[in-house]
C-alpha cells in the first residue's frame, strides 16, 4: 500500500477540499470505523480510504487504501478522534421525487444545525419511517458534523432534498396528510391525533419554527404540551417524541 507522509500531497489536498460544501458535488468524507463499516455493508462506492499504518493489514482487500501519518489523518478528519480511518464515499442522495402516495415521511423545513438534522434522520431510521425530506435551505447532510450525528442512517433510508413549495405540491397531489409542528390556537396536542398510516411530519427551523406558508398548507397543526416552564423543546427532541408516538 502507498504511504503518504506530506500534507502537500495532491490526493490529500483534494480529499481535504471535501470539508467544503461546494466541493461535495459527487462525493463526501466519512470518519471512523463505524461509518466505514456501515458504508461497506450498504454497498456504497468507496472511492478512497485513508488509514493509519497500523490498520494496513485490516484493509488489504481494499486497493483504494492509502496509509497516512496521524498528523495527516487528523488534518482530514473533523473530530480529534477519527479512530484511525477516513474515507471518500460517493454521494447517494436521491435525485428523483419520492412516491408520497403512501408511507411515513419526516420533512425538515430549513433546519440549520447539522447535529439536529443528523439526529432527526437517525431517529426517523430508528422509528421505521419511509424516508426523510430536507428543504433546500436545511443543513447539508454530507457535512462531517451531520454524518457523525446520523451514524450511518443515511445508508438505511432514502433522503431527498427539495424546496418547501415542491414538497407541499407533491404531498397535496398524492393526498398525503401534512402534520406541521407549531403552537397556535389551531394546533392539537399530539396525543389527541387520530392514528394515520400515511403522513408527513414537518419540523421547523430552530428559531423561527415552521413558515407561515407551511402553517397555512398543513392539514393539521400539532404541538407537544409541556408541564414545566421551559419555553420550548429542542427540535430534535420534539421530533423524537412525535415520530415514535406516530409510528
C-alpha atoms as a PDB file:
ATOM      1  CA  UNK A   1       0.000   0.000   0.000  1.00  0.00           C
ATOM      2  CA  UNK A   2       1.090   3.572  -0.659  1.00  0.00           C
ATOM      3  CA  UNK A   3       2.199   5.564   2.376  1.00  0.00           C
ATOM      4  CA  UNK A   4       1.637   9.343   2.312  1.00  0.00           C
ATOM      5  CA  UNK A   5       3.619  11.481   4.740  1.00  0.00           C
ATOM      6  CA  UNK A   6       3.073  15.005   3.378  1.00  0.00           C
ATOM      7  CA  UNK A   7       0.014  17.271   3.632  1.00  0.00           C
ATOM      8  CA  UNK A   8       1.107  18.771   0.304  1.00  0.00           C
ATOM      9  CA  UNK A   9       0.292  15.505  -1.461  1.00  0.00           C
ATOM     10  CA  UNK A  10      -2.346  16.185  -4.140  1.00  0.00           C
ATOM     11  CA  UNK A  11      -4.512  13.221  -3.056  1.00  0.00           C
ATOM     12  CA  UNK A  12      -4.645  14.572   0.500  1.00  0.00           C
ATOM     13  CA  UNK A  13      -5.280  18.151  -0.652  1.00  0.00           C
ATOM     14  CA  UNK A  14      -8.159  17.085  -2.902  1.00  0.00           C
ATOM     15  CA  UNK A  15      -9.686  14.999  -0.109  1.00  0.00           C
ATOM     16  CA  UNK A  16      -9.499  17.896   2.329  1.00  0.00           C
ATOM     17  CA  UNK A  17     -11.473  20.065  -0.098  1.00  0.00           C
ATOM     18  CA  UNK A  18     -14.477  17.877   0.736  1.00  0.00           C
ATOM     19  CA  UNK A  19     -14.728  19.713   4.059  1.00  0.00           C
ATOM     20  CA  UNK A  20     -16.329  22.472   1.976  1.00  0.00           C
ATOM     21  CA  UNK A  21     -19.843  22.024   0.638  1.00  0.00           C
ATOM     22  CA  UNK A  22     -19.006  23.498  -2.780  1.00  0.00           C
ATOM     23  CA  UNK A  23     -16.658  20.577  -3.483  1.00  0.00           C
ATOM     24  CA  UNK A  24     -19.087  17.862  -2.368  1.00  0.00           C
ATOM     25  CA  UNK A  25     -20.787  17.544  -5.753  1.00  0.00           C
ATOM     26  CA  UNK A  26     -20.363  13.793  -6.165  1.00  0.00           C
ATOM     27  CA  UNK A  27     -18.601  12.526  -3.017  1.00  0.00           C
ATOM     28  CA  UNK A  28     -18.074  13.219   0.672  1.00  0.00           C
ATOM     29  CA  UNK A  29     -15.871  12.259   3.619  1.00  0.00           C
ATOM     30  CA  UNK A  30     -16.708   9.879   6.441  1.00  0.00           C
ATOM     31  CA  UNK A  31     -14.582   9.197   9.508  1.00  0.00           C
ATOM     32  CA  UNK A  32     -14.352   6.338  11.978  1.00  0.00           C
ATOM     33  CA  UNK A  33     -14.728   2.566  11.701  1.00  0.00           C
ATOM     34  CA  UNK A  34     -18.459   2.528  12.435  1.00  0.00           C
ATOM     35  CA  UNK A  35     -19.350   4.704   9.449  1.00  0.00           C
ATOM     36  CA  UNK A  36     -16.850   2.876   7.256  1.00  0.00           C
ATOM     37  CA  UNK A  37     -18.419  -0.495   8.138  1.00  0.00           C
ATOM     38  CA  UNK A  38     -21.925   0.924   7.549  1.00  0.00           C
ATOM     39  CA  UNK A  39     -20.811   2.130   4.105  1.00  0.00           C
ATOM     40  CA  UNK A  40     -19.355  -1.270   3.232  1.00  0.00           C
ATOM     41  CA  UNK A  41     -22.460  -3.111   4.438  1.00  0.00           C
ATOM     42  CA  UNK A  42     -24.709  -0.771   2.434  1.00  0.00           C
ATOM     43  CA  UNK A  43     -22.693  -1.386  -0.726  1.00  0.00           C
ATOM     44  CA  UNK A  44     -21.752   2.276  -1.042  1.00  0.00           C
ATOM     45  CA  UNK A  45     -18.984   3.090  -3.527  1.00  0.00           C
ATOM     46  CA  UNK A  46     -15.853   3.901  -1.523  1.00  0.00           C
ATOM     47  CA  UNK A  47     -13.516   5.928  -3.703  1.00  0.00           C
ATOM     48  CA  UNK A  48     -10.526   6.299  -1.379  1.00  0.00           C
ATOM     49  CA  UNK A  49      -9.537   5.155   2.116  1.00  0.00           C
ATOM     50  CA  UNK A  50      -7.010   6.930   4.332  1.00  0.00           C
ATOM     51  CA  UNK A  51      -5.844   4.879   7.323  1.00  0.00           C
ATOM     52  CA  UNK A  52      -3.040   4.806   9.857  1.00  0.00           C
ATOM     53  CA  UNK A  53      -0.196   2.419   9.073  1.00  0.00           C
ATOM     54  CA  UNK A  54      -1.181   0.011  11.867  1.00  0.00           C
ATOM     55  CA  UNK A  55      -4.506  -0.685  10.113  1.00  0.00           C
ATOM     56  CA  UNK A  56      -2.911  -1.674   6.802  1.00  0.00           C
ATOM     57  CA  UNK A  57      -3.435  -5.414   7.364  1.00  0.00           C
ATOM     58  CA  UNK A  58      -7.113  -4.836   8.114  1.00  0.00           C
ATOM     59  CA  UNK A  59      -7.632  -3.163   4.747  1.00  0.00           C
ATOM     60  CA  UNK A  60      -5.730  -5.469   2.388  1.00  0.00           C
ATOM     61  CA  UNK A  61      -8.934  -6.199   0.452  1.00  0.00           C
ATOM     62  CA  UNK A  62      -9.360  -2.515  -0.415  1.00  0.00           C
ATOM     63  CA  UNK A  63      -6.883  -1.475  -3.135  1.00  0.00           C
ATOM     64  CA  UNK A  64      -8.098   2.128  -2.882  1.00  0.00           C
ATOM     65  CA  UNK A  65      -6.403   2.394   0.553  1.00  0.00           C
ATOM     66  CA  UNK A  66      -3.511   4.740   1.227  1.00  0.00           C
ATOM     67  CA  UNK A  67      -1.709   4.779   4.563  1.00  0.00           C
ATOM     68  CA  UNK A  68      -1.050   8.113   6.254  1.00  0.00           C
ATOM     69  CA  UNK A  69       0.517   9.560   9.365  1.00  0.00           C
ATOM     70  CA  UNK A  70      -1.586  10.538  12.367  1.00  0.00           C
ATOM     71  CA  UNK A  71      -0.958  14.201  11.553  1.00  0.00           C
ATOM     72  CA  UNK A  72      -2.461  13.821   8.072  1.00  0.00           C
ATOM     73  CA  UNK A  73      -5.418  11.805   9.328  1.00  0.00           C
ATOM     74  CA  UNK A  74      -6.241  14.498  11.889  1.00  0.00           C
ATOM     75  CA  UNK A  75      -5.996  17.082   9.125  1.00  0.00           C
ATOM     76  CA  UNK A  76      -8.530  15.177   7.003  1.00  0.00           C
ATOM     77  CA  UNK A  77     -10.924  14.463   9.878  1.00  0.00           C
ATOM     78  CA  UNK A  78     -13.298  16.907  11.544  1.00  0.00           C
ATOM     79  CA  UNK A  79     -13.042  15.453  15.044  1.00  0.00           C
ATOM     80  CA  UNK A  80      -9.999  14.948  17.234  1.00  0.00           C
ATOM     81  CA  UNK A  81     -10.719  11.203  17.419  1.00  0.00           C
ATOM     82  CA  UNK A  82     -11.185   9.864  13.867  1.00  0.00           C
ATOM     83  CA  UNK A  83     -10.378   6.303  15.077  1.00  0.00           C
ATOM     84  CA  UNK A  84      -7.676   5.689  12.514  1.00  0.00           C
ATOM     85  CA  UNK A  85      -9.677   5.886   9.290  1.00  0.00           C
ATOM     86  CA  UNK A  86     -11.207   8.464   6.932  1.00  0.00           C
ATOM     87  CA  UNK A  87     -12.784   7.576   3.580  1.00  0.00           C
ATOM     88  CA  UNK A  88     -14.222   9.252   0.490  1.00  0.00           C
ATOM     89  CA  UNK A  89     -17.672   7.889  -0.394  1.00  0.00           C
ATOM     90  CA  UNK A  90     -19.754   8.523  -3.496  1.00  0.00           C
ATOM     91  CA  UNK A  91     -22.910  10.514  -2.792  1.00  0.00           C
ATOM     92  CA  UNK A  92     -26.211   8.632  -2.600  1.00  0.00           C
ATOM     93  CA  UNK A  93     -28.730  11.449  -2.114  1.00  0.00           C
ATOM     94  CA  UNK A  94     -31.911  10.645  -4.006  1.00  0.00           C
ATOM     95  CA  UNK A  95     -32.269  12.743  -7.141  1.00  0.00           C
ATOM     96  CA  UNK A  96     -35.843  11.808  -8.073  1.00  0.00           C
ATOM     97  CA  UNK A  97     -39.015  12.831  -6.259  1.00  0.00           C
ATOM     98  CA  UNK A  98     -40.265  10.388  -3.607  1.00  0.00           C
ATOM     99  CA  UNK A  99     -43.501   8.473  -4.023  1.00  0.00           C
ATOM    100  CA  UNK A 100     -45.659  10.281  -1.484  1.00  0.00           C
ATOM    101  CA  UNK A 101     -48.773   8.224  -2.183  1.00  0.00           C
ATOM    102  CA  UNK A 102     -48.044   6.206   0.967  1.00  0.00           C
ATOM    103  CA  UNK A 103     -45.575   5.995   3.812  1.00  0.00           C
ATOM    104  CA  UNK A 104     -44.378   7.964   6.816  1.00  0.00           C
ATOM    105  CA  UNK A 105     -42.059  10.852   5.970  1.00  0.00           C
ATOM    106  CA  UNK A 106     -40.171  13.428   8.002  1.00  0.00           C
ATOM    107  CA  UNK A 107     -39.813  16.848   6.378  1.00  0.00           C
ATOM    108  CA  UNK A 108     -37.210  19.250   7.777  1.00  0.00           C
ATOM    109  CA  UNK A 109     -38.080  22.831   6.916  1.00  0.00           C
ATOM    110  CA  UNK A 110     -34.940  24.998   6.990  1.00  0.00           C
ATOM    111  CA  UNK A 111     -33.364  23.221   9.987  1.00  0.00           C
ATOM    112  CA  UNK A 112     -29.938  24.815  10.277  1.00  0.00           C
ATOM    113  CA  UNK A 113     -27.962  22.876  12.867  1.00  0.00           C
ATOM    114  CA  UNK A 114     -26.100  19.846  11.422  1.00  0.00           C
ATOM    115  CA  UNK A 115     -26.390  17.994  14.723  1.00  0.00           C
ATOM    116  CA  UNK A 116     -30.163  18.435  14.784  1.00  0.00           C
ATOM    117  CA  UNK A 117     -30.526  17.326  11.160  1.00  0.00           C
ATOM    118  CA  UNK A 118     -28.386  14.237  11.726  1.00  0.00           C
ATOM    119  CA  UNK A 119     -30.127  13.298  14.957  1.00  0.00           C
ATOM    120  CA  UNK A 120     -33.587  13.556  13.401  1.00  0.00           C
ATOM    121  CA  UNK A 121     -32.580  11.442  10.411  1.00  0.00           C
ATOM    122  CA  UNK A 122     -31.145   8.830  12.773  1.00  0.00           C
ATOM    123  CA  UNK A 123     -34.370   8.890  14.823  1.00  0.00           C
ATOM    124  CA  UNK A 124     -36.512   8.556  11.681  1.00  0.00           C
ATOM    125  CA  UNK A 125     -34.476   5.482  10.815  1.00  0.00           C
ATOM    126  CA  UNK A 126     -34.994   4.053  14.312  1.00  0.00           C
ATOM    127  CA  UNK A 127     -38.741   4.782  14.220  1.00  0.00           C
ATOM    128  CA  UNK A 128     -39.169   2.975  10.910  1.00  0.00           C
ATOM    129  CA  UNK A 129     -40.014   5.974   8.734  1.00  0.00           C
ATOM    130  CA  UNK A 130     -40.147   5.568   4.953  1.00  0.00           C
ATOM    131  CA  UNK A 131     -37.795   8.451   4.244  1.00  0.00           C
ATOM    132  CA  UNK A 132     -36.637  11.950   5.141  1.00  0.00           C
ATOM    133  CA  UNK A 133     -37.013  15.086   3.027  1.00  0.00           C
ATOM    134  CA  UNK A 134     -34.860  18.119   3.773  1.00  0.00           C
ATOM    135  CA  UNK A 135     -35.674  21.554   2.432  1.00  0.00           C
ATOM    136  CA  UNK A 136     -33.234  23.329   0.135  1.00  0.00           C
ATOM    137  CA  UNK A 137     -32.237  25.654   3.000  1.00  0.00           C
ATOM    138  CA  UNK A 138     -31.626  22.937   5.603  1.00  0.00           C
ATOM    139  CA  UNK A 139     -28.117  21.905   6.682  1.00  0.00           C
ATOM    140  CA  UNK A 140     -26.083  19.757   4.297  1.00  0.00           C
ATOM    141  CA  UNK A 141     -26.495  16.082   5.191  1.00  0.00           C
ATOM    142  CA  UNK A 142     -22.958  15.400   3.944  1.00  0.00           C
ATOM    143  CA  UNK A 143     -21.127  17.701   6.342  1.00  0.00           C
ATOM    144  CA  UNK A 144     -18.956  15.729   8.757  1.00  0.00           C
ATOM    145  CA  UNK A 145     -20.969  17.036  11.730  1.00  0.00           C
ATOM    146  CA  UNK A 146     -24.267  15.849  10.233  1.00  0.00           C
ATOM    147  CA  UNK A 147     -22.756  12.495   9.288  1.00  0.00           C
ATOM    148  CA  UNK A 148     -21.496  11.945  12.844  1.00  0.00           C
ATOM    149  CA  UNK A 149     -24.994  12.594  14.192  1.00  0.00           C
ATOM    150  CA  UNK A 150     -26.657  10.321  11.611  1.00  0.00           C
ATOM    151  CA  UNK A 151     -24.313   7.432  12.485  1.00  0.00           C
ATOM    152  CA  UNK A 152     -24.897   5.760   9.129  1.00  0.00           C
ATOM    153  CA  UNK A 153     -28.692   6.119   8.975  1.00  0.00           C
ATOM    154  CA  UNK A 154     -28.419   7.747   5.544  1.00  0.00           C
ATOM    155  CA  UNK A 155     -27.403   4.297   4.314  1.00  0.00           C
ATOM    156  CA  UNK A 156     -30.644   2.792   5.665  1.00  0.00           C
ATOM    157  CA  UNK A 157     -33.408   5.065   4.387  1.00  0.00           C
ATOM    158  CA  UNK A 158     -33.785   7.414   1.417  1.00  0.00           C
ATOM    159  CA  UNK A 159     -33.107  11.114   1.910  1.00  0.00           C
ATOM    160  CA  UNK A 160     -34.426  13.691  -0.538  1.00  0.00           C
ATOM    161  CA  UNK A 161     -33.769  17.402  -0.906  1.00  0.00           C
ATOM    162  CA  UNK A 162     -36.411  19.724  -2.340  1.00  0.00           C
ATOM    163  CA  UNK A 163     -37.942  23.133  -1.825  1.00  0.00           C
ATOM    164  CA  UNK A 164     -40.798  23.661   0.601  1.00  0.00           C
ATOM    165  CA  UNK A 165     -43.124  24.548  -2.281  1.00  0.00           C
ATOM    166  CA  UNK A 166     -42.399  21.382  -4.262  1.00  0.00           C
ATOM    167  CA  UNK A 167     -42.798  19.202  -1.152  1.00  0.00           C
ATOM    168  CA  UNK A 168     -46.227  20.692  -0.409  1.00  0.00           C
ATOM    169  CA  UNK A 169     -47.261  20.361  -4.060  1.00  0.00           C
ATOM    170  CA  UNK A 170     -46.246  16.684  -4.152  1.00  0.00           C
ATOM    171  CA  UNK A 171     -47.898  15.894  -0.808  1.00  0.00           C
ATOM    172  CA  UNK A 172     -51.163  17.536  -1.889  1.00  0.00           C
ATOM    173  CA  UNK A 173     -51.097  15.803  -5.261  1.00  0.00           C
ATOM    174  CA  UNK A 174     -50.706  12.419  -3.548  1.00  0.00           C
ATOM    175  CA  UNK A 175     -53.230  13.196  -0.770  1.00  0.00           C
ATOM    176  CA  UNK A 176     -50.565  12.721   1.915  1.00  0.00           C
ATOM    177  CA  UNK A 177     -51.645  14.427   5.158  1.00  0.00           C
ATOM    178  CA  UNK A 178     -49.189  17.085   6.370  1.00  0.00           C
ATOM    179  CA  UNK A 179     -48.741  17.350  10.146  1.00  0.00           C
ATOM    180  CA  UNK A 180     -46.802  20.522  10.967  1.00  0.00           C
ATOM    181  CA  UNK A 181     -45.459  21.277  14.419  1.00  0.00           C
ATOM    182  CA  UNK A 182     -46.324  24.656  15.876  1.00  0.00           C
ATOM    183  CA  UNK A 183     -48.036  26.036  18.947  1.00  0.00           C
ATOM    184  CA  UNK A 184     -51.130  28.019  17.992  1.00  0.00           C
ATOM    185  CA  UNK A 185     -54.843  28.251  18.704  1.00  0.00           C
ATOM    186  CA  UNK A 186     -55.450  25.816  15.868  1.00  0.00           C
ATOM    187  CA  UNK A 187     -52.898  23.181  16.868  1.00  0.00           C
ATOM    188  CA  UNK A 188     -53.688  19.901  18.630  1.00  0.00           C
ATOM    189  CA  UNK A 189     -51.758  18.096  21.316  1.00  0.00           C
ATOM    190  CA  UNK A 190     -50.103  15.167  19.545  1.00  0.00           C
ATOM    191  CA  UNK A 191     -51.841  12.697  21.888  1.00  0.00           C
ATOM    192  CA  UNK A 192     -55.231  13.782  20.512  1.00  0.00           C
ATOM    193  CA  UNK A 193     -54.349  12.876  16.934  1.00  0.00           C
ATOM    194  CA  UNK A 194     -56.107  10.032  15.181  1.00  0.00           C
ATOM    195  CA  UNK A 195     -53.697   7.305  14.055  1.00  0.00           C
ATOM    196  CA  UNK A 196     -52.563   7.632  10.457  1.00  0.00           C
ATOM    197  CA  UNK A 197     -50.934   5.015   8.283  1.00  0.00           C
ATOM    198  CA  UNK A 198     -49.516   7.607   5.891  1.00  0.00           C
ATOM    199  CA  UNK A 199     -48.416  11.166   6.658  1.00  0.00           C
ATOM    200  CA  UNK A 200     -45.602  13.708   6.521  1.00  0.00           C
ATOM    201  CA  UNK A 201     -44.397  15.201   9.802  1.00  0.00           C
ATOM    202  CA  UNK A 202     -42.898  18.686   9.419  1.00  0.00           C
ATOM    203  CA  UNK A 203     -40.305  20.027  11.854  1.00  0.00           C
ATOM    204  CA  UNK A 204     -39.405  23.690  11.521  1.00  0.00           C
ATOM    205  CA  UNK A 205     -36.403  25.949  11.883  1.00  0.00           C
ATOM    206  CA  UNK A 206     -34.788  26.107  15.349  1.00  0.00           C
ATOM    207  CA  UNK A 207     -35.508  29.804  15.845  1.00  0.00           C
ATOM    208  CA  UNK A 208     -38.487  30.561  13.612  1.00  0.00           C
ATOM    209  CA  UNK A 209     -40.369  27.265  13.582  1.00  0.00           C
ATOM    210  CA  UNK A 210     -42.432  26.390  10.508  1.00  0.00           C
ATOM    211  CA  UNK A 211     -43.051  29.050   7.872  1.00  0.00           C
ATOM    212  CA  UNK A 212     -46.423  30.843   7.545  1.00  0.00           C
ATOM    213  CA  UNK A 213     -46.769  29.098   4.170  1.00  0.00           C
ATOM    214  CA  UNK A 214     -46.386  25.682   5.802  1.00  0.00           C
ATOM    215  CA  UNK A 215     -48.779  26.589   8.608  1.00  0.00           C
ATOM    216  CA  UNK A 216     -51.373  27.584   6.012  1.00  0.00           C
ATOM    217  CA  UNK A 217     -50.881  24.465   3.862  1.00  0.00           C
ATOM    218  CA  UNK A 218     -50.736  21.862   6.659  1.00  0.00           C
ATOM    219  CA  UNK A 219     -53.678  19.523   7.146  1.00  0.00           C
ATOM    220  CA  UNK A 220     -53.139  19.534  10.902  1.00  0.00           C
ATOM    221  CA  UNK A 221     -51.038  21.690  13.228  1.00  0.00           C
ATOM    222  CA  UNK A 222     -49.506  19.746  16.114  1.00  0.00           C
ATOM    223  CA  UNK A 223     -47.834  20.632  19.400  1.00  0.00           C
ATOM    224  CA  UNK A 224     -46.371  18.922  22.472  1.00  0.00           C
ATOM    225  CA  UNK A 225     -47.945  20.179  25.699  1.00  0.00           C
ATOM    226  CA  UNK A 226     -45.333  20.817  28.400  1.00  0.00           C
ATOM    227  CA  UNK A 227     -45.841  20.521  32.157  1.00  0.00           C
ATOM    228  CA  UNK A 228     -42.798  22.562  33.131  1.00  0.00           C
ATOM    229  CA  UNK A 229     -41.745  26.140  32.495  1.00  0.00           C
ATOM    230  CA  UNK A 230     -39.390  25.640  29.553  1.00  0.00           C
ATOM    231  CA  UNK A 231     -40.435  27.797  26.609  1.00  0.00           C
ATOM    232  CA  UNK A 232     -39.802  25.084  24.046  1.00  0.00           C
ATOM    233  CA  UNK A 233     -38.121  21.771  23.307  1.00  0.00           C
ATOM    234  CA  UNK A 234     -35.058  21.231  21.160  1.00  0.00           C
ATOM    235  CA  UNK A 235     -36.337  20.415  17.664  1.00  0.00           C
ATOM    236  CA  UNK A 236     -34.603  17.014  17.573  1.00  0.00           C
ATOM    237  CA  UNK A 237     -36.060  16.027  20.960  1.00  0.00           C
ATOM    238  CA  UNK A 238     -39.544  17.091  19.849  1.00  0.00           C
ATOM    239  CA  UNK A 239     -39.170  15.163  16.602  1.00  0.00           C
ATOM    240  CA  UNK A 240     -38.198  12.043  18.510  1.00  0.00           C
ATOM    241  CA  UNK A 241     -41.266  12.207  20.732  1.00  0.00           C
ATOM    242  CA  UNK A 242     -43.582  12.731  17.783  1.00  0.00           C
ATOM    243  CA  UNK A 243     -42.036  10.160  15.450  1.00  0.00           C
ATOM    244  CA  UNK A 244     -42.187   7.327  17.958  1.00  0.00           C
ATOM    245  CA  UNK A 245     -45.702   8.220  19.002  1.00  0.00           C
ATOM    246  CA  UNK A 246     -46.978   8.497  15.431  1.00  0.00           C
ATOM    247  CA  UNK A 247     -45.211   5.397  14.155  1.00  0.00           C
END
